[in-house]
Structure formats: C-alpha cells, structure tokens
Amino acid sequence: MKSSEVVEIFKGAIESTKQNGIDKVSIEDLEAYTARLEEAVNESPEGVHAGEANMEKYRADLNAWITARQHQYEYNLEMLRSVITVGQSALKSALLINGGAAVAVLAFIGRLFSSESASLSMGGLSLALLQFVWGVLGAAIAAGATYFSQAGYGGEFGSWSRGVGVGGHIVAVLGVFSAYGCFGVGAWQAYSAINLG
C-alpha cells in the first residue's frame, strides 16, 4: 500500500467521523484506529495500490467500528447522567425528610411547652429531634462529599484524584444511608415518646 493511500484512508476516516456528528475522539480510540491502519498497511505489499474493493471493505469495517464505539460512549454517558440524577434525588429526599421532621418535632415541642398538658416525655422527643438533626448533617456531609468525588474523578487533585474520587463517593453513599437511618431511629423515638409518654 502506498503512503498516499494511508493518508487518504486517514483523511476519509476523519471526514466520516465528522459526518457522523462526532467532534471529539479520545486518545485511546485514536491509538486503536492507528493499530488497525498499521495492520492493513502490513497486510498489503509496499508501493502497490490496494484494490478498490478491499478499500471499500476496510472503510465499511472502520465506519462500523467507529459507530459501535460512539454508541458505547453515548451509553456510558447516559448511564452517568442517570446515576447523577438518582444520587441527587436521594440526597434531596434525605435532607427533606430529616429537615421536615426536625421542624415538625420543634413545633410540637413548642406547642407542648405552651400548653398545660406536658405529659409527654420531653426526653424522648428531644432524642428524636437530635436524630433528625444528625440526619440533616449526614445529608449535608453527603452533598459535600459528592463535590470531592466529582472533582476527584475529574482529575482535580493530581495523582491523588482517583483516591479522592473513590473516597468522596464512599462518604457520599454512607452519608445518605446514615441520614435515612437517623430518620428511622428518630421516627421510632418520636413515636415511642408520644405513645408511651
């Protein structure tokens, strides 16, 4: 295969990629493409024109390969977006239920202090309030940890980036679960204080 043909193949691949709407190609994909092109060059004799049929077959294979890689990239991107959306929903709901419960318990305690019938166990209600506050704190820590996780995965911390990303991810997940756990414990304590108080 002549060197001019190699250049034409490369230009054709670039043009085909542009026509498919791809405006960025990763280094990994470029290396894989170069390896395939080198393989095709090694299979054909030096200085001899490759047959037009072989060239079309190669272009078709290359286009199919590029399309498959683009589909995989789009799939991975959509999965990442859905994970981020679900994570944000979990954070918001943990913050909302704990914050709302804390406000409700505070209002209930305030009403009890203003009335003469304070027969309920204030200790149990204050423990419930404390659990809800811990739940809000857990959700807030989880929200902060998501920042460090994303910054770490984005390479913002140099050689520490991967570790910071994974650590932030773990702290965020644990923060959300602890917030839900605090809500459950606080709800049980409030129930016990009201019914047994």
Protein backbone atom coordinates (compact mmCIF):
# COMPACT_ATOMS: atom_id res chain seq x y z
CA MET A 1 0.00 0.00 0.00
CA LYS A 2 1.34 3.43 -0.88
CA SER A 3 1.84 6.09 1.75
CA SER A 4 -0.52 8.38 -0.14
CA GLU A 5 -3.24 5.76 0.25
CA VAL A 6 -2.64 5.64 4.01
CA VAL A 7 -3.05 9.40 4.18
CA GLU A 8 -6.26 9.21 2.11
CA ILE A 9 -7.65 6.48 4.37
CA PHE A 10 -6.89 8.60 7.41
CA LYS A 11 -8.50 11.69 5.86
CA GLY A 12 -11.54 9.64 4.84
CA ALA A 13 -11.93 8.32 8.37
CA ILE A 14 -11.77 11.85 9.77
CA GLU A 15 -14.37 13.06 7.28
CA SER A 16 -16.63 10.08 8.01
CA THR A 17 -16.31 10.71 11.74
CA LYS A 18 -17.29 14.36 11.25
CA GLN A 19 -20.31 13.36 9.16
CA ASN A 20 -21.44 11.03 11.94
CA GLY A 21 -21.55 14.04 14.30
CA ILE A 22 -18.51 13.10 16.35
CA ASP A 23 -16.42 16.14 17.18
CA LYS A 24 -14.02 14.61 19.71
CA VAL A 25 -12.04 11.39 19.62
CA SER A 26 -10.23 10.00 22.65
CA ILE A 27 -6.54 9.13 22.53
CA GLU A 28 -7.46 5.50 23.22
CA ASP A 29 -9.72 5.38 20.15
CA LEU A 30 -7.08 7.08 18.02
CA GLU A 31 -4.46 4.57 19.11
CA ALA A 32 -6.80 1.68 18.33
CA TYR A 33 -7.52 3.16 14.90
CA THR A 34 -3.80 3.61 14.23
CA ALA A 35 -3.17 -0.02 15.16
CA ARG A 36 -5.86 -1.18 12.72
CA LEU A 37 -4.48 1.05 9.98
CA GLU A 38 -0.98 -0.27 10.58
CA GLU A 39 -2.33 -3.81 10.36
CA ALA A 40 -3.90 -3.03 6.98
CA VAL A 41 -0.65 -1.47 5.74
CA ASN A 42 1.33 -4.55 6.81
CA GLU A 43 -1.09 -6.87 5.01
CA SER A 44 -0.67 -5.19 1.62
CA PRO A 45 2.60 -5.05 -0.36
CA GLU A 46 4.69 -1.87 -0.23
CA GLY A 47 4.12 0.57 -3.09
CA VAL A 48 1.18 -1.32 -4.61
CA HIS A 49 -2.32 0.18 -4.88
CA ALA A 50 -4.83 -1.62 -2.76
CA GLY A 51 -7.83 -2.87 -4.65
CA GLU A 52 -10.88 -0.63 -4.58
CA ALA A 53 -12.97 -3.50 -3.20
CA ASN A 54 -10.55 -4.01 -0.33
CA MET A 55 -10.52 -0.29 0.33
CA GLU A 56 -14.33 -0.12 0.47
CA LYS A 57 -14.46 -3.14 2.76
CA TYR A 58 -11.93 -1.52 5.04
CA ARG A 59 -13.87 1.75 5.09
CA ALA A 60 -17.10 -0.07 5.86
CA ASP A 61 -15.45 -2.00 8.69
CA LEU A 62 -13.89 1.16 10.02
CA ASN A 63 -17.19 3.04 9.93
CA ALA A 64 -18.93 0.17 11.73
CA TRP A 65 -16.21 0.15 14.36
CA ILE A 66 -16.41 3.94 14.85
CA THR A 67 -20.21 3.76 15.11
CA ALA A 68 -20.01 0.98 17.70
CA ARG A 69 -17.53 2.99 19.76
CA GLN A 70 -19.76 6.07 19.55
CA HIS A 71 -22.78 4.07 20.71
CA GLN A 72 -20.79 2.71 23.65
CA TYR A 73 -19.66 6.23 24.55
CA GLU A 74 -23.23 7.56 24.41
CA TYR A 75 -24.47 4.64 26.51
CA ASN A 76 -21.82 5.28 29.17
CA LEU A 77 -22.64 9.00 29.18
CA GLU A 78 -26.38 8.35 29.65
CA MET A 79 -25.67 5.89 32.46
CA LEU A 80 -23.52 8.50 34.20
CA ARG A 81 -26.26 11.11 33.85
CA SER A 82 -28.87 8.75 35.30
CA VAL A 83 -26.62 7.84 38.25
CA ILE A 84 -26.05 11.53 38.99
CA THR A 85 -29.80 12.25 38.79
CA VAL A 86 -30.68 9.37 41.11
CA GLY A 87 -27.95 10.40 43.55
CA GLN A 88 -29.23 13.96 43.64
CA SER A 89 -32.76 12.70 44.31
CA ALA A 90 -31.52 10.53 47.18
CA LEU A 91 -29.64 13.48 48.69
CA LYS A 92 -32.62 15.82 48.37
CA SER A 93 -35.05 13.34 49.89
CA ALA A 94 -32.69 12.57 52.82
CA LEU A 95 -32.33 16.28 53.52
CA LEU A 96 -36.04 16.95 53.08
CA ILE A 97 -37.38 14.20 55.33
CA ASN A 98 -34.92 14.87 58.15
CA GLY A 99 -35.28 18.65 57.95
CA GLY A 100 -39.06 18.44 57.80
CA ALA A 101 -39.17 16.03 60.71
CA ALA A 102 -36.88 18.27 62.80
CA VAL A 103 -39.09 21.27 62.15
CA ALA A 104 -42.23 19.26 62.98
CA VAL A 105 -40.77 17.99 66.27
CA LEU A 106 -39.64 21.51 67.20
CA ALA A 107 -43.13 22.86 66.54
CA PHE A 108 -44.65 20.01 68.55
CA ILE A 109 -42.30 20.62 71.49
CA GLY A 110 -43.07 24.36 71.35
CA ARG A 111 -46.80 23.65 71.45
CA LEU A 112 -46.34 21.31 74.42
CA PHE A 113 -44.46 23.98 76.37
CA SER A 114 -47.23 26.48 75.76
CA SER A 115 -49.95 24.11 76.99
CA GLU A 116 -50.59 22.85 80.49
CA SER A 117 -50.64 19.16 79.49
CA ALA A 118 -46.96 18.39 79.05
CA SER A 119 -47.40 14.76 79.95
CA LEU A 120 -45.33 13.51 77.04
CA SER A 121 -41.76 12.52 77.54
CA MET A 122 -39.70 15.55 76.57
CA GLY A 123 -36.57 13.41 76.76
CA GLY A 124 -37.84 11.08 74.04
CA LEU A 125 -38.86 13.95 71.78
CA SER A 126 -35.54 15.70 72.26
CA LEU A 127 -33.72 12.47 71.33
CA ALA A 128 -35.89 12.22 68.22
CA LEU A 129 -35.06 15.82 67.37
CA LEU A 130 -31.37 15.05 67.81
CA GLN A 131 -31.64 12.09 65.41
CA PHE A 132 -33.30 14.25 62.78
CA VAL A 133 -30.59 16.90 63.16
CA TRP A 134 -27.94 14.18 62.75
CA GLY A 135 -29.80 13.07 59.64
CA VAL A 136 -29.64 16.58 58.19
CA LEU A 137 -25.92 16.70 58.99
CA GLY A 138 -25.39 13.32 57.31
CA ALA A 139 -27.17 14.52 54.17
CA ALA A 140 -25.14 17.76 54.16
CA ILE A 141 -21.88 15.81 54.50
CA ALA A 142 -23.00 13.57 51.64
CA ALA A 143 -23.69 16.63 49.49
CA GLY A 144 -20.21 17.99 50.20
CA ALA A 145 -18.63 14.61 49.54
CA THR A 146 -20.21 14.50 46.08
CA TYR A 147 -18.26 17.63 45.19
CA PHE A 148 -14.98 15.99 46.20
CA SER A 149 -15.97 12.80 44.41
CA GLN A 150 -16.70 14.59 41.13
CA ALA A 151 -13.58 16.76 41.41
CA GLY A 152 -11.52 13.66 42.11
CA TYR A 153 -12.93 11.75 39.15
CA GLY A 154 -12.33 14.88 37.07
CA GLY A 155 -8.61 14.82 37.91
CA GLU A 156 -8.57 17.99 40.01
CA PHE A 157 -6.24 16.57 42.69
CA GLY A 158 -3.33 15.39 40.55
CA SER A 159 -2.01 11.97 41.49
CA TRP A 160 -4.48 11.81 44.40
CA SER A 161 -7.50 12.29 42.13
CA ARG A 162 -8.64 8.68 41.84
CA GLY A 163 -8.37 8.09 45.60
CA VAL A 164 -10.20 11.32 46.41
CA GLY A 165 -12.91 10.43 43.90
CA VAL A 166 -13.47 6.96 45.33
CA GLY A 167 -13.27 8.23 48.92
CA GLY A 168 -15.75 11.01 48.24
CA HIS A 169 -18.06 8.52 46.56
CA ILE A 170 -17.98 6.20 49.57
CA VAL A 171 -18.54 9.05 52.05
CA ALA A 172 -21.47 10.35 49.99
CA VAL A 173 -23.18 6.95 49.89
CA LEU A 174 -22.59 6.38 53.60
CA GLY A 175 -23.87 9.88 54.39
CA VAL A 176 -27.14 9.27 52.58
CA PHE A 177 -27.65 5.87 54.22
CA SER A 178 -26.85 7.32 57.66
CA ALA A 179 -29.35 10.13 57.04
CA TYR A 180 -32.06 7.57 56.25
CA GLY A 181 -31.04 5.55 59.30
CA CYS A 182 -31.21 8.62 61.54
CA PHE A 183 -34.68 9.37 60.20
CA GLY A 184 -35.85 5.84 61.01
CA VAL A 185 -34.42 5.95 64.54
CA GLY A 186 -35.77 9.46 65.14
CA ALA A 187 -39.23 8.49 63.89
CA TRP A 188 -39.28 5.49 66.22
CA GLN A 189 -38.15 7.62 69.18
CA ALA A 190 -40.82 10.23 68.45
CA TYR A 191 -43.46 7.51 68.15
CA SER A 192 -42.35 5.96 71.44
CA ALA A 193 -42.34 9.33 73.21
CA ILE A 194 -45.85 10.14 72.04
CA ASN A 195 -47.42 6.71 72.62
CA LEU A 196 -45.59 5.71 75.78
CA GLY A 197 -45.00 9.19 77.19
